Amino acid sequence: MANGRINKPVRMAKQETVVRTDRPIVVDTTDHIAGRLSSHVAKLLLKGNRVSLVNCEKIMISGTRDNTIREYKAFLEINSIIHPKHGPVHYRRPDTMITKMIRGMLPFDRKPSGKEAHKRLRAYIGSPKELKSLEKVQFEKAKIKKSSSNYTTMGELGRVIGWTE
């Protein structure tokens, strides 16, 4: 306290981490819970990383098979009364389903950063040749803890609701 004034501590700016944009972060999504995976990927995208998801048909949705299918079929019935093409688009492929889930966790409609982040996302069914040589990452907090009989895969859900491989 000099001259009757209190010295405020000087705040140091956070050091920005260097983001490598020459190659994407490849996530092997086998046995990951869809919602937890989506939140991890959304955070990576907002930080400026490019993310590629492989094996999207093996992503797990929690809940019994019958209940999950019943809920998704009820979701498919939502459309516009006047003109069904104007209603919401209901995806049936696993890679587009997970892309839409991740888009819901980004500020897609409100900020340009959300749209830019969504453009850095790629999702694949299986594993493409150009990504096989890259190191694959898995999120331990997003992996399933119980036996796989308590979950439904996105590929199985897609086949029931109309996805033809």
N, C-alpha and C. Protein backbone atom coordinates (compact mmCIF):
# COMPACT_ATOMS: atom_id res chain seq x y z
N MET A 1 0.84 -1.16 0.00
CA MET A 1 0.00 0.00 0.00
C MET A 1 0.90 1.24 0.00
N ALA A 2 1.06 1.79 -1.16
CA ALA A 2 1.89 2.98 -1.31
C ALA A 2 0.98 4.15 -1.69
N ASN A 3 1.17 5.27 -1.05
CA ASN A 3 0.40 6.48 -1.29
C ASN A 3 -1.11 6.26 -1.10
N GLY A 4 -1.51 5.37 -0.20
CA GLY A 4 -2.91 5.16 0.10
C GLY A 4 -3.66 4.30 -0.91
N ARG A 5 -2.95 3.74 -1.90
CA ARG A 5 -3.62 2.90 -2.90
C ARG A 5 -3.18 1.46 -2.71
N ILE A 6 -4.08 0.57 -2.98
CA ILE A 6 -3.78 -0.86 -2.87
C ILE A 6 -3.26 -1.36 -4.21
N ASN A 7 -2.13 -2.03 -4.17
CA ASN A 7 -1.56 -2.59 -5.40
C ASN A 7 -2.31 -3.87 -5.75
N LYS A 8 -2.87 -3.92 -6.93
CA LYS A 8 -3.58 -5.10 -7.38
C LYS A 8 -2.58 -6.07 -8.01
N PRO A 9 -2.79 -7.35 -7.80
CA PRO A 9 -1.88 -8.31 -8.44
C PRO A 9 -2.02 -8.26 -9.96
N VAL A 10 -0.93 -8.44 -10.62
CA VAL A 10 -0.92 -8.41 -12.07
C VAL A 10 -1.34 -9.79 -12.58
N ARG A 11 -2.31 -9.80 -13.44
CA ARG A 11 -2.77 -11.06 -14.01
C ARG A 11 -1.94 -11.42 -15.22
N MET A 12 -1.51 -12.66 -15.25
CA MET A 12 -0.74 -13.14 -16.39
C MET A 12 -1.71 -13.76 -17.40
N ALA A 13 -1.52 -13.48 -18.64
CA ALA A 13 -2.36 -14.07 -19.67
C ALA A 13 -2.04 -15.56 -19.81
N LYS A 14 -3.08 -16.33 -20.06
CA LYS A 14 -2.84 -17.76 -20.25
C LYS A 14 -2.06 -17.98 -21.53
N GLN A 15 -1.12 -18.88 -21.47
CA GLN A 15 -0.33 -19.17 -22.65
C GLN A 15 -1.15 -20.07 -23.57
N GLU A 16 -1.27 -19.68 -24.80
CA GLU A 16 -2.03 -20.45 -25.77
C GLU A 16 -1.26 -21.70 -26.16
N THR A 17 -1.98 -22.80 -26.23
CA THR A 17 -1.34 -24.03 -26.67
C THR A 17 -1.29 -24.04 -28.19
N VAL A 18 -0.22 -24.57 -28.71
CA VAL A 18 -0.05 -24.63 -30.15
C VAL A 18 -0.88 -25.79 -30.68
N VAL A 19 -1.74 -25.49 -31.62
CA VAL A 19 -2.62 -26.50 -32.19
C VAL A 19 -2.05 -26.95 -33.52
N ARG A 20 -1.86 -28.26 -33.65
CA ARG A 20 -1.36 -28.79 -34.92
C ARG A 20 -2.54 -29.00 -35.85
N THR A 21 -2.53 -28.30 -36.96
CA THR A 21 -3.63 -28.43 -37.91
C THR A 21 -3.26 -29.24 -39.13
N ASP A 22 -2.00 -29.71 -39.20
CA ASP A 22 -1.60 -30.47 -40.38
C ASP A 22 -2.20 -31.87 -40.39
N ARG A 23 -2.50 -32.43 -39.22
CA ARG A 23 -3.18 -33.73 -39.19
C ARG A 23 -4.21 -33.74 -38.07
N PRO A 24 -5.30 -34.45 -38.29
CA PRO A 24 -6.39 -34.43 -37.31
C PRO A 24 -6.13 -35.35 -36.12
N ILE A 25 -6.88 -35.13 -35.06
CA ILE A 25 -6.92 -36.06 -33.94
C ILE A 25 -7.90 -37.15 -34.35
N VAL A 26 -7.43 -38.39 -34.41
CA VAL A 26 -8.28 -39.50 -34.85
C VAL A 26 -8.77 -40.22 -33.60
N VAL A 27 -10.09 -40.30 -33.45
CA VAL A 27 -10.70 -40.93 -32.29
C VAL A 27 -11.33 -42.24 -32.73
N ASP A 28 -10.89 -43.36 -32.12
CA ASP A 28 -11.53 -44.65 -32.36
C ASP A 28 -12.72 -44.74 -31.41
N THR A 29 -13.92 -44.71 -31.95
CA THR A 29 -15.13 -44.57 -31.14
C THR A 29 -15.72 -45.90 -30.67
N THR A 30 -14.99 -46.98 -30.83
CA THR A 30 -15.49 -48.29 -30.43
C THR A 30 -15.75 -48.31 -28.92
N ASP A 31 -16.94 -48.74 -28.52
CA ASP A 31 -17.36 -48.87 -27.12
C ASP A 31 -17.34 -47.56 -26.35
N HIS A 32 -17.64 -46.45 -27.00
CA HIS A 32 -17.78 -45.16 -26.33
C HIS A 32 -19.28 -44.84 -26.21
N ILE A 33 -19.67 -44.22 -25.10
CA ILE A 33 -21.04 -43.77 -24.93
C ILE A 33 -21.22 -42.49 -25.74
N ALA A 34 -22.30 -42.41 -26.51
CA ALA A 34 -22.49 -41.34 -27.49
C ALA A 34 -22.43 -39.94 -26.88
N GLY A 35 -23.15 -39.69 -25.79
CA GLY A 35 -23.20 -38.35 -25.22
C GLY A 35 -21.87 -37.91 -24.65
N ARG A 36 -21.20 -38.79 -23.94
CA ARG A 36 -19.91 -38.44 -23.35
C ARG A 36 -18.86 -38.21 -24.43
N LEU A 37 -18.89 -39.04 -25.46
CA LEU A 37 -17.98 -38.87 -26.58
C LEU A 37 -18.22 -37.51 -27.25
N SER A 38 -19.49 -37.16 -27.43
CA SER A 38 -19.84 -35.91 -28.09
C SER A 38 -19.31 -34.70 -27.33
N SER A 39 -19.41 -34.73 -26.01
CA SER A 39 -18.93 -33.59 -25.24
C SER A 39 -17.41 -33.45 -25.31
N HIS A 40 -16.69 -34.57 -25.28
CA HIS A 40 -15.23 -34.51 -25.41
C HIS A 40 -14.82 -33.97 -26.78
N VAL A 41 -15.48 -34.44 -27.82
CA VAL A 41 -15.15 -34.01 -29.18
C VAL A 41 -15.50 -32.54 -29.38
N ALA A 42 -16.63 -32.09 -28.82
CA ALA A 42 -17.03 -30.69 -28.96
C ALA A 42 -15.99 -29.77 -28.32
N LYS A 43 -15.44 -30.17 -27.18
CA LYS A 43 -14.41 -29.35 -26.54
C LYS A 43 -13.16 -29.28 -27.40
N LEU A 44 -12.77 -30.41 -27.99
CA LEU A 44 -11.59 -30.40 -28.87
C LEU A 44 -11.80 -29.49 -30.08
N LEU A 45 -13.01 -29.55 -30.66
CA LEU A 45 -13.30 -28.73 -31.83
C LEU A 45 -13.28 -27.24 -31.49
N LEU A 46 -13.81 -26.87 -30.33
CA LEU A 46 -13.83 -25.46 -29.95
C LEU A 46 -12.43 -24.93 -29.63
N LYS A 47 -11.51 -25.83 -29.28
CA LYS A 47 -10.12 -25.41 -29.05
C LYS A 47 -9.37 -25.20 -30.36
N GLY A 48 -9.95 -25.62 -31.49
CA GLY A 48 -9.32 -25.39 -32.78
C GLY A 48 -8.74 -26.63 -33.42
N ASN A 49 -8.95 -27.80 -32.84
CA ASN A 49 -8.41 -29.03 -33.40
C ASN A 49 -9.31 -29.56 -34.51
N ARG A 50 -8.69 -30.27 -35.44
CA ARG A 50 -9.46 -31.05 -36.41
C ARG A 50 -9.64 -32.43 -35.83
N VAL A 51 -10.86 -32.97 -35.87
CA VAL A 51 -11.14 -34.26 -35.26
C VAL A 51 -11.79 -35.16 -36.30
N SER A 52 -11.30 -36.40 -36.37
CA SER A 52 -11.89 -37.42 -37.23
C SER A 52 -12.34 -38.58 -36.35
N LEU A 53 -13.59 -38.99 -36.51
CA LEU A 53 -14.14 -40.11 -35.76
C LEU A 53 -14.20 -41.32 -36.68
N VAL A 54 -13.64 -42.45 -36.24
CA VAL A 54 -13.70 -43.67 -37.03
C VAL A 54 -14.50 -44.72 -36.27
N ASN A 55 -15.04 -45.68 -36.99
CA ASN A 55 -15.88 -46.76 -36.44
C ASN A 55 -17.12 -46.21 -35.75
N CYS A 56 -17.82 -45.29 -36.39
CA CYS A 56 -19.00 -44.67 -35.79
C CYS A 56 -20.15 -45.66 -35.59
N GLU A 57 -20.15 -46.75 -36.32
CA GLU A 57 -21.23 -47.73 -36.15
C GLU A 57 -21.09 -48.51 -34.85
N LYS A 58 -19.95 -48.38 -34.16
CA LYS A 58 -19.71 -49.10 -32.91
C LYS A 58 -19.89 -48.22 -31.67
N ILE A 59 -20.41 -47.01 -31.84
CA ILE A 59 -20.70 -46.13 -30.70
C ILE A 59 -21.91 -46.70 -29.96
N MET A 60 -21.86 -46.64 -28.64
CA MET A 60 -22.93 -47.20 -27.82
C MET A 60 -23.91 -46.12 -27.36
N ILE A 61 -25.17 -46.50 -27.32
CA ILE A 61 -26.22 -45.66 -26.74
C ILE A 61 -26.72 -46.40 -25.52
N SER A 62 -26.75 -45.72 -24.37
CA SER A 62 -27.13 -46.42 -23.14
C SER A 62 -28.63 -46.69 -23.13
N GLY A 63 -29.00 -47.80 -22.51
CA GLY A 63 -30.39 -48.21 -22.43
C GLY A 63 -30.62 -49.50 -23.16
N THR A 64 -31.72 -50.13 -22.87
CA THR A 64 -32.02 -51.40 -23.52
C THR A 64 -32.33 -51.18 -24.99
N ARG A 65 -32.16 -52.21 -25.75
CA ARG A 65 -32.35 -52.13 -27.20
C ARG A 65 -33.77 -51.71 -27.55
N ASP A 66 -34.76 -52.36 -26.93
CA ASP A 66 -36.16 -52.07 -27.26
C ASP A 66 -36.54 -50.63 -26.92
N ASN A 67 -36.11 -50.17 -25.76
CA ASN A 67 -36.44 -48.81 -25.33
C ASN A 67 -35.79 -47.77 -26.24
N THR A 68 -34.53 -47.99 -26.60
CA THR A 68 -33.82 -47.05 -27.47
C THR A 68 -34.48 -46.98 -28.84
N ILE A 69 -34.86 -48.11 -29.39
CA ILE A 69 -35.50 -48.15 -30.71
C ILE A 69 -36.87 -47.48 -30.65
N ARG A 70 -37.62 -47.74 -29.59
CA ARG A 70 -38.94 -47.12 -29.44
C ARG A 70 -38.83 -45.60 -29.36
N GLU A 71 -37.87 -45.09 -28.60
CA GLU A 71 -37.68 -43.65 -28.48
C GLU A 71 -37.28 -43.02 -29.81
N TYR A 72 -36.40 -43.69 -30.55
CA TYR A 72 -35.95 -43.11 -31.82
C TYR A 72 -37.07 -43.15 -32.86
N LYS A 73 -37.89 -44.20 -32.84
CA LYS A 73 -39.03 -44.25 -33.78
C LYS A 73 -40.04 -43.15 -33.47
N ALA A 74 -40.23 -42.84 -32.18
CA ALA A 74 -41.10 -41.73 -31.82
C ALA A 74 -40.50 -40.41 -32.32
N PHE A 75 -39.19 -40.28 -32.25
CA PHE A 75 -38.50 -39.09 -32.75
C PHE A 75 -38.67 -38.96 -34.26
N LEU A 76 -38.69 -40.08 -34.97
CA LEU A 76 -38.84 -40.05 -36.43
C LEU A 76 -40.21 -39.57 -36.87
N GLU A 77 -41.21 -39.66 -36.00
CA GLU A 77 -42.55 -39.24 -36.36
C GLU A 77 -42.75 -37.73 -36.30
N ILE A 78 -41.78 -37.01 -35.75
CA ILE A 78 -41.89 -35.55 -35.67
C ILE A 78 -41.62 -34.96 -37.05
N ASN A 79 -42.60 -34.24 -37.59
CA ASN A 79 -42.39 -33.55 -38.86
C ASN A 79 -43.40 -32.42 -38.99
N SER A 80 -43.33 -31.72 -40.06
CA SER A 80 -44.25 -30.62 -40.31
C SER A 80 -45.57 -31.16 -40.84
N ILE A 81 -46.67 -30.66 -40.33
CA ILE A 81 -47.99 -31.11 -40.78
C ILE A 81 -48.26 -30.62 -42.19
N ILE A 82 -47.87 -29.39 -42.47
CA ILE A 82 -48.17 -28.79 -43.76
C ILE A 82 -47.34 -29.43 -44.87
N HIS A 83 -46.04 -29.53 -44.65
CA HIS A 83 -45.16 -30.09 -45.68
C HIS A 83 -44.04 -30.85 -45.00
N PRO A 84 -44.02 -32.17 -45.07
CA PRO A 84 -43.02 -32.96 -44.33
C PRO A 84 -41.57 -32.63 -44.67
N LYS A 85 -41.31 -32.13 -45.89
CA LYS A 85 -39.93 -31.78 -46.25
C LYS A 85 -39.43 -30.59 -45.44
N HIS A 86 -40.34 -29.79 -44.91
CA HIS A 86 -39.94 -28.63 -44.13
C HIS A 86 -39.68 -28.96 -42.67
N GLY A 87 -40.00 -30.17 -42.27
CA GLY A 87 -39.79 -30.59 -40.89
C GLY A 87 -38.33 -30.89 -40.62
N PRO A 88 -38.00 -31.36 -39.42
CA PRO A 88 -36.61 -31.68 -39.11
C PRO A 88 -36.12 -32.89 -39.91
N VAL A 89 -34.83 -32.89 -40.21
CA VAL A 89 -34.23 -34.01 -40.94
C VAL A 89 -33.83 -35.06 -39.92
N HIS A 90 -34.24 -36.29 -40.15
CA HIS A 90 -33.93 -37.39 -39.24
C HIS A 90 -32.90 -38.30 -39.91
N TYR A 91 -31.71 -38.34 -39.33
CA TYR A 91 -30.64 -39.12 -39.92
C TYR A 91 -30.73 -40.57 -39.49
N ARG A 92 -30.30 -41.46 -40.37
CA ARG A 92 -30.34 -42.88 -40.09
C ARG A 92 -28.96 -43.52 -40.12
N ARG A 93 -27.98 -42.83 -40.69
CA ARG A 93 -26.61 -43.36 -40.71
C ARG A 93 -25.90 -43.00 -39.42
N PRO A 94 -25.11 -43.92 -38.86
CA PRO A 94 -24.44 -43.64 -37.58
C PRO A 94 -23.50 -42.44 -37.62
N ASP A 95 -22.78 -42.24 -38.71
CA ASP A 95 -21.85 -41.11 -38.76
C ASP A 95 -22.58 -39.77 -38.78
N THR A 96 -23.72 -39.70 -39.45
CA THR A 96 -24.47 -38.44 -39.45
C THR A 96 -25.23 -38.24 -38.14
N MET A 97 -25.63 -39.33 -37.49
CA MET A 97 -26.29 -39.20 -36.18
C MET A 97 -25.33 -38.60 -35.16
N ILE A 98 -24.09 -39.09 -35.11
CA ILE A 98 -23.13 -38.58 -34.12
C ILE A 98 -22.70 -37.16 -34.49
N THR A 99 -22.64 -36.84 -35.77
CA THR A 99 -22.32 -35.48 -36.20
C THR A 99 -23.38 -34.50 -35.72
N LYS A 100 -24.65 -34.90 -35.81
CA LYS A 100 -25.74 -34.05 -35.35
C LYS A 100 -25.71 -33.91 -33.82
N MET A 101 -25.34 -34.99 -33.10
CA MET A 101 -25.23 -34.90 -31.64
C MET A 101 -24.14 -33.90 -31.24
N ILE A 102 -23.01 -33.97 -31.92
CA ILE A 102 -21.90 -33.06 -31.60
C ILE A 102 -22.27 -31.63 -31.97
N ARG A 103 -22.99 -31.45 -33.06
CA ARG A 103 -23.43 -30.12 -33.47
C ARG A 103 -24.33 -29.49 -32.41
N GLY A 104 -25.11 -30.33 -31.72
CA GLY A 104 -25.97 -29.82 -30.65
C GLY A 104 -25.19 -29.34 -29.45
N MET A 105 -23.94 -29.75 -29.31
CA MET A 105 -23.11 -29.32 -28.19
C MET A 105 -22.20 -28.15 -28.55
N LEU A 106 -22.30 -27.67 -29.77
CA LEU A 106 -21.53 -26.51 -30.22
C LEU A 106 -22.46 -25.30 -30.32
N PRO A 107 -21.93 -24.09 -30.19
CA PRO A 107 -22.78 -22.89 -30.38
C PRO A 107 -23.00 -22.65 -31.88
N PHE A 108 -23.63 -23.60 -32.54
CA PHE A 108 -23.72 -23.62 -34.00
C PHE A 108 -24.56 -22.46 -34.55
N ASP A 109 -25.69 -22.17 -33.93
CA ASP A 109 -26.59 -21.14 -34.46
C ASP A 109 -26.23 -19.74 -33.97
N ARG A 110 -25.55 -19.66 -32.84
CA ARG A 110 -25.34 -18.36 -32.22
C ARG A 110 -24.01 -17.70 -32.58
N LYS A 111 -22.98 -18.49 -32.81
CA LYS A 111 -21.65 -17.90 -33.00
C LYS A 111 -20.97 -18.48 -34.23
N PRO A 112 -20.17 -17.68 -34.91
CA PRO A 112 -19.42 -18.21 -36.04
C PRO A 112 -18.36 -19.23 -35.62
N SER A 113 -17.89 -19.15 -34.35
CA SER A 113 -16.90 -20.12 -33.89
C SER A 113 -17.47 -21.53 -33.88
N GLY A 114 -18.77 -21.66 -33.61
CA GLY A 114 -19.42 -22.97 -33.62
C GLY A 114 -19.50 -23.56 -35.02
N LYS A 115 -19.80 -22.71 -36.00
CA LYS A 115 -19.86 -23.19 -37.39
C LYS A 115 -18.47 -23.59 -37.88
N GLU A 116 -17.47 -22.80 -37.52
CA GLU A 116 -16.10 -23.13 -37.91
C GLU A 116 -15.65 -24.43 -37.24
N ALA A 117 -16.01 -24.61 -35.98
CA ALA A 117 -15.65 -25.84 -35.27
C ALA A 117 -16.32 -27.04 -35.91
N HIS A 118 -17.57 -26.88 -36.32
CA HIS A 118 -18.29 -28.00 -36.93
C HIS A 118 -17.69 -28.39 -38.28
N LYS A 119 -17.10 -27.45 -38.98
CA LYS A 119 -16.46 -27.74 -40.27
C LYS A 119 -15.19 -28.57 -40.09
N ARG A 120 -14.60 -28.53 -38.88
CA ARG A 120 -13.37 -29.29 -38.63
C ARG A 120 -13.65 -30.74 -38.21
N LEU A 121 -14.91 -31.14 -38.18
CA LEU A 121 -15.29 -32.49 -37.75
C LEU A 121 -15.50 -33.39 -38.97
N ARG A 122 -14.96 -34.61 -38.89
CA ARG A 122 -15.20 -35.65 -39.90
C ARG A 122 -15.59 -36.92 -39.16
N ALA A 123 -16.60 -37.62 -39.67
CA ALA A 123 -17.03 -38.88 -39.06
C ALA A 123 -17.08 -39.93 -40.16
N TYR A 124 -16.63 -41.14 -39.84
CA TYR A 124 -16.55 -42.21 -40.83
C TYR A 124 -17.15 -43.50 -40.27
N ILE A 125 -17.75 -44.27 -41.16
CA ILE A 125 -18.16 -45.62 -40.83
C ILE A 125 -16.97 -46.50 -41.20
N GLY A 126 -16.48 -47.27 -40.26
CA GLY A 126 -15.26 -48.03 -40.48
C GLY A 126 -14.06 -47.10 -40.34
N SER A 127 -12.93 -47.53 -40.90
CA SER A 127 -11.71 -46.73 -40.83
C SER A 127 -11.15 -46.55 -42.24
N PRO A 128 -11.11 -45.31 -42.76
CA PRO A 128 -10.59 -45.09 -44.11
C PRO A 128 -9.08 -45.31 -44.19
N LYS A 129 -8.60 -45.57 -45.40
CA LYS A 129 -7.19 -45.90 -45.62
C LYS A 129 -6.25 -44.77 -45.19
N GLU A 130 -6.64 -43.52 -45.45
CA GLU A 130 -5.74 -42.41 -45.14
C GLU A 130 -5.57 -42.16 -43.64
N LEU A 131 -6.48 -42.72 -42.81
CA LEU A 131 -6.38 -42.53 -41.36
C LEU A 131 -5.83 -43.76 -40.63
N LYS A 132 -5.63 -44.87 -41.34
CA LYS A 132 -5.17 -46.09 -40.68
C LYS A 132 -3.76 -45.95 -40.11
N SER A 133 -2.93 -45.14 -40.74
CA SER A 133 -1.54 -45.01 -40.28
C SER A 133 -1.41 -44.06 -39.09
N LEU A 134 -2.41 -43.21 -38.86
CA LEU A 134 -2.33 -42.25 -37.76
C LEU A 134 -2.68 -42.91 -36.42
N GLU A 135 -2.13 -42.34 -35.35
CA GLU A 135 -2.40 -42.86 -34.01
C GLU A 135 -3.83 -42.54 -33.60
N LYS A 136 -4.51 -43.52 -33.03
CA LYS A 136 -5.91 -43.35 -32.64
C LYS A 136 -6.01 -43.11 -31.14
N VAL A 137 -6.92 -42.23 -30.75
CA VAL A 137 -7.11 -41.83 -29.37
C VAL A 137 -8.45 -42.39 -28.89
N GLN A 138 -8.52 -42.75 -27.59
CA GLN A 138 -9.78 -43.12 -26.98
C GLN A 138 -9.91 -42.35 -25.67
N PHE A 139 -11.13 -41.98 -25.31
CA PHE A 139 -11.39 -41.26 -24.07
C PHE A 139 -11.83 -42.26 -23.02
N GLU A 140 -11.04 -42.42 -21.96
CA GLU A 140 -11.35 -43.41 -20.92
C GLU A 140 -12.64 -43.07 -20.18
N LYS A 141 -12.91 -41.78 -19.98
CA LYS A 141 -14.13 -41.39 -19.27
C LYS A 141 -15.38 -41.62 -20.10
N ALA A 142 -15.24 -41.76 -21.41
CA ALA A 142 -16.40 -41.95 -22.27
C ALA A 142 -16.65 -43.43 -22.61
N LYS A 143 -15.75 -44.31 -22.20
CA LYS A 143 -15.92 -45.73 -22.51
C LYS A 143 -16.98 -46.35 -21.62
N ILE A 144 -17.59 -47.44 -22.10
CA ILE A 144 -18.63 -48.11 -21.32
C ILE A 144 -18.00 -48.82 -20.13
N LYS A 145 -18.74 -48.84 -19.03
CA LYS A 145 -18.24 -49.47 -17.81
C LYS A 145 -18.86 -50.85 -17.59
N LYS A 146 -20.13 -51.02 -17.97
CA LYS A 146 -20.84 -52.28 -17.77
C LYS A 146 -20.66 -53.15 -19.01
N SER A 147 -21.30 -54.31 -19.00
CA SER A 147 -21.22 -55.19 -20.16
C SER A 147 -21.97 -54.56 -21.33
N SER A 148 -21.61 -54.94 -22.52
CA SER A 148 -22.20 -54.31 -23.71
C SER A 148 -23.66 -54.71 -23.91
N SER A 149 -24.18 -55.66 -23.12
CA SER A 149 -25.59 -56.03 -23.26
C SER A 149 -26.52 -54.94 -22.73
N ASN A 150 -26.00 -54.00 -21.94
CA ASN A 150 -26.80 -52.89 -21.43
C ASN A 150 -26.87 -51.72 -22.41
N TYR A 151 -26.26 -51.85 -23.57
CA TYR A 151 -26.18 -50.77 -24.53
C TYR A 151 -26.63 -51.24 -25.91
N THR A 152 -26.91 -50.27 -26.77
CA THR A 152 -27.26 -50.53 -28.16
C THR A 152 -26.25 -49.80 -29.04
N THR A 153 -25.74 -50.45 -30.05
CA THR A 153 -24.80 -49.76 -30.94
C THR A 153 -25.56 -48.88 -31.92
N MET A 154 -24.90 -47.84 -32.39
CA MET A 154 -25.54 -46.95 -33.36
C MET A 154 -25.78 -47.66 -34.69
N GLY A 155 -24.91 -48.60 -35.03
CA GLY A 155 -25.11 -49.36 -36.25
C GLY A 155 -26.37 -50.20 -36.19
N GLU A 156 -26.60 -50.82 -35.04
CA GLU A 156 -27.80 -51.63 -34.86
C GLU A 156 -29.06 -50.76 -34.91
N LEU A 157 -29.02 -49.62 -34.24
CA LEU A 157 -30.15 -48.70 -34.26
C LEU A 157 -30.41 -48.22 -35.69
N GLY A 158 -29.35 -47.89 -36.41
CA GLY A 158 -29.50 -47.43 -37.79
C GLY A 158 -30.13 -48.48 -38.69
N ARG A 159 -29.72 -49.74 -38.53
CA ARG A 159 -30.29 -50.81 -39.36
C ARG A 159 -31.78 -50.99 -39.09
N VAL A 160 -32.19 -50.85 -37.85
CA VAL A 160 -33.61 -51.03 -37.50
C VAL A 160 -34.45 -49.90 -38.06
N ILE A 161 -33.94 -48.67 -38.07
CA ILE A 161 -34.75 -47.53 -38.50
C ILE A 161 -34.61 -47.20 -39.99
N GLY A 162 -33.83 -47.98 -40.73
CA GLY A 162 -33.83 -47.78 -42.17
C GLY A 162 -32.50 -47.50 -42.83
N TRP A 163 -31.38 -47.66 -42.13
CA TRP A 163 -30.08 -47.44 -42.75
C TRP A 163 -29.69 -48.69 -43.52
N THR A 164 -29.38 -48.53 -44.79
CA THR A 164 -28.89 -49.66 -45.59
C THR A 164 -27.42 -49.43 -45.85
N GLU A 165 -26.61 -50.35 -45.43
CA GLU A 165 -25.17 -50.19 -45.54
C GLU A 165 -24.81 -50.19 -46.96
